[in-house]
Amino acid sequence: MRKQRLSEEELVEGMTPYTAHADELAAAKLDELGLKSSESDYKAALKRIESLFEIAEPGTPEGDELESLAALVEEYEEKHFPI
């Protein structure tokens, strides 16, 4: 019995950066991308997180945006407000 091969599209269907295994994805930091975040970017991200917090569900575009913004805020805080 021959198994049917899945297409690339079928293999990645439903996969997001938050549902894939860590070894399958690489997360780039702002500095690695040549980007600098400013205090105004940080404050804007916090405001957007606040607006998304109650409505965002995992696996939705809003949930993905919330996760991305949270990671950026965490990176900024680690750099500018170390403990």
PDB file of N, CA and C in Angstrom:
ATOM      1  N   MET A   1       0.843  -1.180   0.000  1.00  0.00           N
ATOM      2  CA  MET A   1       0.000   0.000   0.000  1.00  0.00           C
ATOM      3  C   MET A   1       0.888   1.243   0.000  1.00  0.00           C
ATOM      4  N   ARG A   2       0.664   2.132  -0.930  1.00  0.00           N
ATOM      5  CA  ARG A   2       1.450   3.348  -1.082  1.00  0.00           C
ATOM      6  C   ARG A   2       0.787   4.497  -0.336  1.00  0.00           C
ATOM      7  N   LYS A   3       1.566   5.233   0.450  1.00  0.00           N
ATOM      8  CA  LYS A   3       1.034   6.381   1.179  1.00  0.00           C
ATOM      9  C   LYS A   3       1.099   7.617   0.298  1.00  0.00           C
ATOM     10  N   GLN A   4       0.074   8.439   0.386  1.00  0.00           N
ATOM     11  CA  GLN A   4       0.045   9.686  -0.373  1.00  0.00           C
ATOM     12  C   GLN A   4       0.903  10.724   0.343  1.00  0.00           C
ATOM     13  N   ARG A   5       1.727  11.419  -0.406  1.00  0.00           N
ATOM     14  CA  ARG A   5       2.577  12.464   0.159  1.00  0.00           C
ATOM     15  C   ARG A   5       1.767  13.743   0.309  1.00  0.00           C
ATOM     16  N   LEU A   6       1.954  14.420   1.426  1.00  0.00           N
ATOM     17  CA  LEU A   6       1.276  15.683   1.671  1.00  0.00           C
ATOM     18  C   LEU A   6       2.042  16.824   1.010  1.00  0.00           C
ATOM     19  N   SER A   7       1.292  17.819   0.560  1.00  0.00           N
ATOM     20  CA  SER A   7       1.938  19.001  -0.005  1.00  0.00           C
ATOM     21  C   SER A   7       2.476  19.866   1.129  1.00  0.00           C
ATOM     22  N   GLU A   8       3.348  20.788   0.790  1.00  0.00           N
ATOM     23  CA  GLU A   8       3.889  21.697   1.802  1.00  0.00           C
ATOM     24  C   GLU A   8       2.767  22.480   2.468  1.00  0.00           C
ATOM     25  N   GLU A   9       1.801  22.909   1.679  1.00  0.00           N
ATOM     26  CA  GLU A   9       0.673  23.664   2.213  1.00  0.00           C
ATOM     27  C   GLU A   9      -0.094  22.837   3.251  1.00  0.00           C
ATOM     28  N   GLU A  10      -0.294  21.560   2.967  1.00  0.00           N
ATOM     29  CA  GLU A  10      -0.997  20.693   3.906  1.00  0.00           C
ATOM     30  C   GLU A  10      -0.181  20.453   5.173  1.00  0.00           C
ATOM     31  N   LEU A  11       1.131  20.399   5.025  1.00  0.00           N
ATOM     32  CA  LEU A  11       1.992  20.164   6.182  1.00  0.00           C
ATOM     33  C   LEU A  11       1.990  21.331   7.167  1.00  0.00           C
ATOM     34  N   VAL A  12       1.903  22.555   6.660  1.00  0.00           N
ATOM     35  CA  VAL A  12       1.972  23.724   7.531  1.00  0.00           C
ATOM     36  C   VAL A  12       0.606  24.306   7.865  1.00  0.00           C
ATOM     37  N   GLU A  13      -0.446  23.685   7.385  1.00  0.00           N
ATOM     38  CA  GLU A  13      -1.799  24.178   7.647  1.00  0.00           C
ATOM     39  C   GLU A  13      -2.046  24.279   9.150  1.00  0.00           C
ATOM     40  N   GLY A  14      -2.465  25.450   9.593  1.00  0.00           N
ATOM     41  CA  GLY A  14      -2.771  25.678  11.001  1.00  0.00           C
ATOM     42  C   GLY A  14      -1.560  25.937  11.881  1.00  0.00           C
ATOM     43  N   MET A  15      -0.364  25.884  11.325  1.00  0.00           N
ATOM     44  CA  MET A  15       0.834  26.099  12.111  1.00  0.00           C
ATOM     45  C   MET A  15       1.061  27.590  12.309  1.00  0.00           C
ATOM     46  N   THR A  16       1.331  27.974  13.522  1.00  0.00           N
ATOM     47  CA  THR A  16       1.695  29.353  13.845  1.00  0.00           C
ATOM     48  C   THR A  16       3.015  29.305  14.608  1.00  0.00           C
ATOM     49  N   PRO A  17       3.663  30.438  14.827  1.00  0.00           N
ATOM     50  CA  PRO A  17       4.888  30.427  15.618  1.00  0.00           C
ATOM     51  C   PRO A  17       4.680  29.897  17.035  1.00  0.00           C
ATOM     52  N   TYR A  18       3.437  29.851  17.480  1.00  0.00           N
ATOM     53  CA  TYR A  18       3.152  29.443  18.852  1.00  0.00           C
ATOM     54  C   TYR A  18       2.690  27.995  18.952  1.00  0.00           C
ATOM     55  N   THR A  19       2.470  27.334  17.824  1.00  0.00           N
ATOM     56  CA  THR A  19       2.056  25.938  17.854  1.00  0.00           C
ATOM     57  C   THR A  19       3.113  25.015  17.272  1.00  0.00           C
ATOM     58  N   ALA A  20       4.155  25.566  16.687  1.00  0.00           N
ATOM     59  CA  ALA A  20       5.229  24.763  16.103  1.00  0.00           C
ATOM     60  C   ALA A  20       6.296  24.498  17.166  1.00  0.00           C
ATOM     61  N   HIS A  21       7.094  23.481  16.954  1.00  0.00           N
ATOM     62  CA  HIS A  21       8.180  23.181  17.877  1.00  0.00           C
ATOM     63  C   HIS A  21       9.277  24.220  17.738  1.00  0.00           C
ATOM     64  N   ALA A  22       9.943  24.497  18.831  1.00  0.00           N
ATOM     65  CA  ALA A  22      10.975  25.526  18.847  1.00  0.00           C
ATOM     66  C   ALA A  22      12.089  25.245  17.847  1.00  0.00           C
ATOM     67  N   ASP A  23      12.401  23.974  17.619  1.00  0.00           N
ATOM     68  CA  ASP A  23      13.483  23.678  16.693  1.00  0.00           C
ATOM     69  C   ASP A  23      13.085  23.878  15.235  1.00  0.00           C
ATOM     70  N   GLU A  24      11.795  24.107  14.990  1.00  0.00           N
ATOM     71  CA  GLU A  24      11.325  24.347  13.634  1.00  0.00           C
ATOM     72  C   GLU A  24      11.331  25.825  13.271  1.00  0.00           C
ATOM     73  N   LEU A  25      11.392  26.685  14.281  1.00  0.00           N
ATOM     74  CA  LEU A  25      11.302  28.124  14.056  1.00  0.00           C
ATOM     75  C   LEU A  25      12.447  28.839  14.747  1.00  0.00           C
ATOM     76  N   ALA A  26      12.809  29.965  14.213  1.00  0.00           N
ATOM     77  CA  ALA A  26      13.818  30.803  14.846  1.00  0.00           C
ATOM     78  C   ALA A  26      13.202  32.168  15.085  1.00  0.00           C
ATOM     79  N   ALA A  27      13.322  32.652  16.292  1.00  0.00           N
ATOM     80  CA  ALA A  27      12.807  33.978  16.613  1.00  0.00           C
ATOM     81  C   ALA A  27      13.952  34.975  16.535  1.00  0.00           C
ATOM     82  N   ALA A  28      13.777  36.011  15.782  1.00  0.00           N
ATOM     83  CA  ALA A  28      14.805  37.042  15.639  1.00  0.00           C
ATOM     84  C   ALA A  28      14.529  38.174  16.611  1.00  0.00           C
ATOM     85  N   LYS A  29      15.577  38.674  17.200  1.00  0.00           N
ATOM     86  CA  LYS A  29      15.449  39.825  18.092  1.00  0.00           C
ATOM     87  C   LYS A  29      15.553  41.095  17.259  1.00  0.00           C
ATOM     88  N   LEU A  30      15.046  42.184  17.820  1.00  0.00           N
ATOM     89  CA  LEU A  30      15.056  43.458  17.102  1.00  0.00           C
ATOM     90  C   LEU A  30      16.458  43.858  16.668  1.00  0.00           C
ATOM     91  N   ASP A  31      17.435  43.704  17.574  1.00  0.00           N
ATOM     92  CA  ASP A  31      18.810  44.084  17.252  1.00  0.00           C
ATOM     93  C   ASP A  31      19.353  43.276  16.078  1.00  0.00           C
ATOM     94  N   GLU A  32      18.987  41.986  16.018  1.00  0.00           N
ATOM     95  CA  GLU A  32      19.456  41.130  14.929  1.00  0.00           C
ATOM     96  C   GLU A  32      18.876  41.575  13.588  1.00  0.00           C
ATOM     97  N   LEU A  33      17.700  42.173  13.628  1.00  0.00           N
ATOM     98  CA  LEU A  33      17.059  42.653  12.409  1.00  0.00           C
ATOM     99  C   LEU A  33      17.497  44.064  12.050  1.00  0.00           C
ATOM    100  N   GLY A  34      18.336  44.663  12.899  1.00  0.00           N
ATOM    101  CA  GLY A  34      18.801  46.023  12.645  1.00  0.00           C
ATOM    102  C   GLY A  34      17.773  47.070  13.031  1.00  0.00           C
ATOM    103  N   LEU A  35      16.833  46.688  13.891  1.00  0.00           N
ATOM    104  CA  LEU A  35      15.791  47.611  14.323  1.00  0.00           C
ATOM    105  C   LEU A  35      16.053  48.052  15.752  1.00  0.00           C
ATOM    106  N   LYS A  36      15.720  49.259  16.032  1.00  0.00           N
ATOM    107  CA  LYS A  36      15.830  49.792  17.387  1.00  0.00           C
ATOM    108  C   LYS A  36      14.438  50.186  17.852  1.00  0.00           C
ATOM    109  N   SER A  37      14.086  49.757  19.050  1.00  0.00           N
ATOM    110  CA  SER A  37      12.782  50.162  19.573  1.00  0.00           C
ATOM    111  C   SER A  37      12.984  51.362  20.491  1.00  0.00           C
ATOM    112  N   SER A  38      12.071  52.290  20.389  1.00  0.00           N
ATOM    113  CA  SER A  38      12.158  53.505  21.192  1.00  0.00           C
ATOM    114  C   SER A  38      11.155  53.420  22.334  1.00  0.00           C
ATOM    115  N   GLU A  39      11.243  54.380  23.223  1.00  0.00           N
ATOM    116  CA  GLU A  39      10.302  54.426  24.336  1.00  0.00           C
ATOM    117  C   GLU A  39       8.875  54.627  23.834  1.00  0.00           C
ATOM    118  N   SER A  40       8.718  55.403  22.766  1.00  0.00           N
ATOM    119  CA  SER A  40       7.368  55.611  22.219  1.00  0.00           C
ATOM    120  C   SER A  40       6.825  54.320  21.595  1.00  0.00           C
ATOM    121  N   ASP A  41       7.699  53.518  20.951  1.00  0.00           N
ATOM    122  CA  ASP A  41       7.280  52.210  20.438  1.00  0.00           C
ATOM    123  C   ASP A  41       6.849  51.305  21.584  1.00  0.00           C
ATOM    124  N   TYR A  42       7.603  51.326  22.657  1.00  0.00           N
ATOM    125  CA  TYR A  42       7.312  50.533  23.847  1.00  0.00           C
ATOM    126  C   TYR A  42       5.950  50.910  24.425  1.00  0.00           C
ATOM    127  N   LYS A  43       5.712  52.215  24.568  1.00  0.00           N
ATOM    128  CA  LYS A  43       4.429  52.671  25.122  1.00  0.00           C
ATOM    129  C   LYS A  43       3.263  52.334  24.194  1.00  0.00           C
ATOM    130  N   ALA A  44       3.474  52.446  22.894  1.00  0.00           N
ATOM    131  CA  ALA A  44       2.431  52.090  21.929  1.00  0.00           C
ATOM    132  C   ALA A  44       2.122  50.598  22.000  1.00  0.00           C
ATOM    133  N   ALA A  45       3.154  49.781  22.152  1.00  0.00           N
ATOM    134  CA  ALA A  45       2.954  48.333  22.264  1.00  0.00           C
ATOM    135  C   ALA A  45       2.173  47.996  23.527  1.00  0.00           C
ATOM    136  N   LEU A  46       2.482  48.674  24.631  1.00  0.00           N
ATOM    137  CA  LEU A  46       1.742  48.436  25.877  1.00  0.00           C
ATOM    138  C   LEU A  46       0.264  48.797  25.714  1.00  0.00           C
ATOM    139  N   LYS A  47      -0.022  49.905  25.043  1.00  0.00           N
ATOM    140  CA  LYS A  47      -1.416  50.305  24.806  1.00  0.00           C
ATOM    141  C   LYS A  47      -2.135  49.273  23.947  1.00  0.00           C
ATOM    142  N   ARG A  48      -1.470  48.799  22.905  1.00  0.00           N
ATOM    143  CA  ARG A  48      -2.085  47.802  22.015  1.00  0.00           C
ATOM    144  C   ARG A  48      -2.309  46.485  22.762  1.00  0.00           C
ATOM    145  N   ILE A  49      -1.355  46.085  23.595  1.00  0.00           N
ATOM    146  CA  ILE A  49      -1.521  44.875  24.411  1.00  0.00           C
ATOM    147  C   ILE A  49      -2.749  45.012  25.301  1.00  0.00           C
ATOM    148  N   GLU A  50      -2.900  46.168  25.903  1.00  0.00           N
ATOM    149  CA  GLU A  50      -4.053  46.410  26.771  1.00  0.00           C
ATOM    150  C   GLU A  50      -5.363  46.250  26.003  1.00  0.00           C
ATOM    151  N   SER A  51      -5.413  46.750  24.770  1.00  0.00           N
ATOM    152  CA  SER A  51      -6.640  46.655  23.981  1.00  0.00           C
ATOM    153  C   SER A  51      -6.897  45.226  23.496  1.00  0.00           C
ATOM    154  N   LEU A  52      -5.853  44.450  23.299  1.00  0.00           N
ATOM    155  CA  LEU A  52      -6.004  43.078  22.818  1.00  0.00           C
ATOM    156  C   LEU A  52      -6.244  42.070  23.937  1.00  0.00           C
ATOM    157  N   PHE A  53      -5.847  42.419  25.138  1.00  0.00           N
ATOM    158  CA  PHE A  53      -5.816  41.460  26.238  1.00  0.00           C
ATOM    159  C   PHE A  53      -7.150  40.755  26.472  1.00  0.00           C
ATOM    160  N   GLU A  54      -8.234  41.456  26.444  1.00  0.00           N
ATOM    161  CA  GLU A  54      -9.547  40.868  26.726  1.00  0.00           C
ATOM    162  C   GLU A  54     -10.163  40.145  25.537  1.00  0.00           C
ATOM    163  N   ILE A  55      -9.753  40.488  24.317  1.00  0.00           N
ATOM    164  CA  ILE A  55     -10.427  39.926  23.140  1.00  0.00           C
ATOM    165  C   ILE A  55      -9.631  38.863  22.406  1.00  0.00           C
ATOM    166  N   ALA A  56      -8.319  38.812  22.638  1.00  0.00           N
ATOM    167  CA  ALA A  56      -7.456  37.908  21.873  1.00  0.00           C
ATOM    168  C   ALA A  56      -7.607  36.468  22.339  1.00  0.00           C
ATOM    169  N   GLU A  57      -7.796  35.575  21.375  1.00  0.00           N
ATOM    170  CA  GLU A  57      -7.864  34.138  21.635  1.00  0.00           C
ATOM    171  C   GLU A  57      -6.648  33.479  20.990  1.00  0.00           C
ATOM    172  N   PRO A  58      -6.090  32.457  21.625  1.00  0.00           N
ATOM    173  CA  PRO A  58      -4.946  31.746  21.017  1.00  0.00           C
ATOM    174  C   PRO A  58      -5.299  31.213  19.631  1.00  0.00           C
ATOM    175  N   GLY A  59      -4.336  31.331  18.724  1.00  0.00           N
ATOM    176  CA  GLY A  59      -4.520  30.814  17.374  1.00  0.00           C
ATOM    177  C   GLY A  59      -5.254  31.743  16.435  1.00  0.00           C
ATOM    178  N   THR A  60      -5.634  32.933  16.906  1.00  0.00           N
ATOM    179  CA  THR A  60      -6.291  33.920  16.055  1.00  0.00           C
ATOM    180  C   THR A  60      -5.268  34.995  15.688  1.00  0.00           C
ATOM    181  N   PRO A  61      -5.552  35.809  14.677  1.00  0.00           N
ATOM    182  CA  PRO A  61      -4.623  36.902  14.358  1.00  0.00           C
ATOM    183  C   PRO A  61      -4.385  37.832  15.549  1.00  0.00           C
ATOM    184  N   GLU A  62      -5.436  38.099  16.314  1.00  0.00           N
ATOM    185  CA  GLU A  62      -5.284  38.964  17.493  1.00  0.00           C
ATOM    186  C   GLU A  62      -4.407  38.300  18.548  1.00  0.00           C
ATOM    187  N   GLY A  63      -4.602  36.998  18.725  1.00  0.00           N
ATOM    188  CA  GLY A  63      -3.778  36.257  19.679  1.00  0.00           C
ATOM    189  C   GLY A  63      -2.321  36.234  19.262  1.00  0.00           C
ATOM    190  N   ASP A  64      -2.083  36.055  17.971  1.00  0.00           N
ATOM    191  CA  ASP A  64      -0.716  36.073  17.451  1.00  0.00           C
ATOM    192  C   ASP A  64      -0.078  37.443  17.635  1.00  0.00           C
ATOM    193  N   GLU A  65      -0.858  38.493  17.382  1.00  0.00           N
ATOM    194  CA  GLU A  65      -0.339  39.853  17.559  1.00  0.00           C
ATOM    195  C   GLU A  65      -0.002  40.103  19.026  1.00  0.00           C
ATOM    196  N   LEU A  66      -0.876  39.665  19.924  1.00  0.00           N
ATOM    197  CA  LEU A  66      -0.640  39.836  21.356  1.00  0.00           C
ATOM    198  C   LEU A  66       0.645  39.133  21.777  1.00  0.00           C
ATOM    199  N   GLU A  67       0.850  37.912  21.324  1.00  0.00           N
ATOM    200  CA  GLU A  67       2.064  37.169  21.653  1.00  0.00           C
ATOM    201  C   GLU A  67       3.312  37.874  21.132  1.00  0.00           C
ATOM    202  N   SER A  68       3.247  38.380  19.901  1.00  0.00           N
ATOM    203  CA  SER A  68       4.396  39.076  19.313  1.00  0.00           C
ATOM    204  C   SER A  68       4.712  40.356  20.072  1.00  0.00           C
ATOM    205  N   LEU A  69       3.683  41.123  20.377  1.00  0.00           N
ATOM    206  CA  LEU A  69       3.898  42.370  21.118  1.00  0.00           C
ATOM    207  C   LEU A  69       4.444  42.094  22.512  1.00  0.00           C
ATOM    208  N   ALA A  70       3.935  41.070  23.160  1.00  0.00           N
ATOM    209  CA  ALA A  70       4.423  40.720  24.498  1.00  0.00           C
ATOM    210  C   ALA A  70       5.902  40.355  24.457  1.00  0.00           C
ATOM    211  N   ALA A  71       6.316  39.634  23.419  1.00  0.00           N
ATOM    212  CA  ALA A  71       7.726  39.270  23.281  1.00  0.00           C
ATOM    213  C   ALA A  71       8.592  40.512  23.058  1.00  0.00           C
ATOM    214  N   LEU A  72       8.097  41.449  22.244  1.00  0.00           N
ATOM    215  CA  LEU A  72       8.852  42.685  21.998  1.00  0.00           C
ATOM    216  C   LEU A  72       8.960  43.529  23.261  1.00  0.00           C
ATOM    217  N   VAL A  73       7.867  43.620  24.015  1.00  0.00           N
ATOM    218  CA  VAL A  73       7.877  44.381  25.260  1.00  0.00           C
ATOM    219  C   VAL A  73       8.844  43.737  26.258  1.00  0.00           C
ATOM    220  N   GLU A  74       8.803  42.419  26.331  1.00  0.00           N
ATOM    221  CA  GLU A  74       9.708  41.708  27.238  1.00  0.00           C
ATOM    222  C   GLU A  74      11.170  41.976  26.864  1.00  0.00           C
ATOM    223  N   GLU A  75      11.475  41.930  25.581  1.00  0.00           N
ATOM    224  CA  GLU A  75      12.838  42.197  25.118  1.00  0.00           C
ATOM    225  C   GLU A  75      13.259  43.627  25.476  1.00  0.00           C
ATOM    226  N   TYR A  76      12.363  44.589  25.247  1.00  0.00           N
ATOM    227  CA  TYR A  76      12.664  45.985  25.561  1.00  0.00           C
ATOM    228  C   TYR A  76      12.915  46.157  27.061  1.00  0.00           C
ATOM    229  N   GLU A  77      12.048  45.553  27.886  1.00  0.00           N
ATOM    230  CA  GLU A  77      12.180  45.696  29.332  1.00  0.00           C
ATOM    231  C   GLU A  77      13.455  45.042  29.851  1.00  0.00           C
ATOM    232  N   GLU A  78      13.826  43.896  29.293  1.00  0.00           N
ATOM    233  CA  GLU A  78      15.061  43.236  29.708  1.00  0.00           C
ATOM    234  C   GLU A  78      16.276  44.109  29.412  1.00  0.00           C
ATOM    235  N   LYS A  79      16.217  44.828  28.310  1.00  0.00           N
ATOM    236  CA  LYS A  79      17.341  45.676  27.897  1.00  0.00           C
ATOM    237  C   LYS A  79      17.387  46.990  28.688  1.00  0.00           C
ATOM    238  N   HIS A  80      16.216  47.605  28.912  1.00  0.00           N
ATOM    239  CA  HIS A  80      16.169  48.940  29.517  1.00  0.00           C
ATOM    240  C   HIS A  80      15.860  48.955  31.014  1.00  0.00           C
ATOM    241  N   PHE A  81      15.302  47.886  31.537  1.00  0.00           N
ATOM    242  CA  PHE A  81      14.958  47.824  32.963  1.00  0.00           C
ATOM    243  C   PHE A  81      15.443  46.509  33.563  1.00  0.00           C
ATOM    244  N   PRO A  82      16.738  46.214  33.487  1.00  0.00           N
ATOM    245  CA  PRO A  82      17.230  44.941  34.018  1.00  0.00           C
ATOM    246  C   PRO A  82      17.043  44.862  35.531  1.00  0.00           C
ATOM    247  N   ILE A  83      16.826  43.648  35.969  1.00  0.00           N
ATOM    248  CA  ILE A  83      16.643  43.442  37.439  1.00  0.00           C
ATOM    249  C   ILE A  83      17.954  43.006  38.043  1.00  0.00           C
TER     250      ILE A  83
END
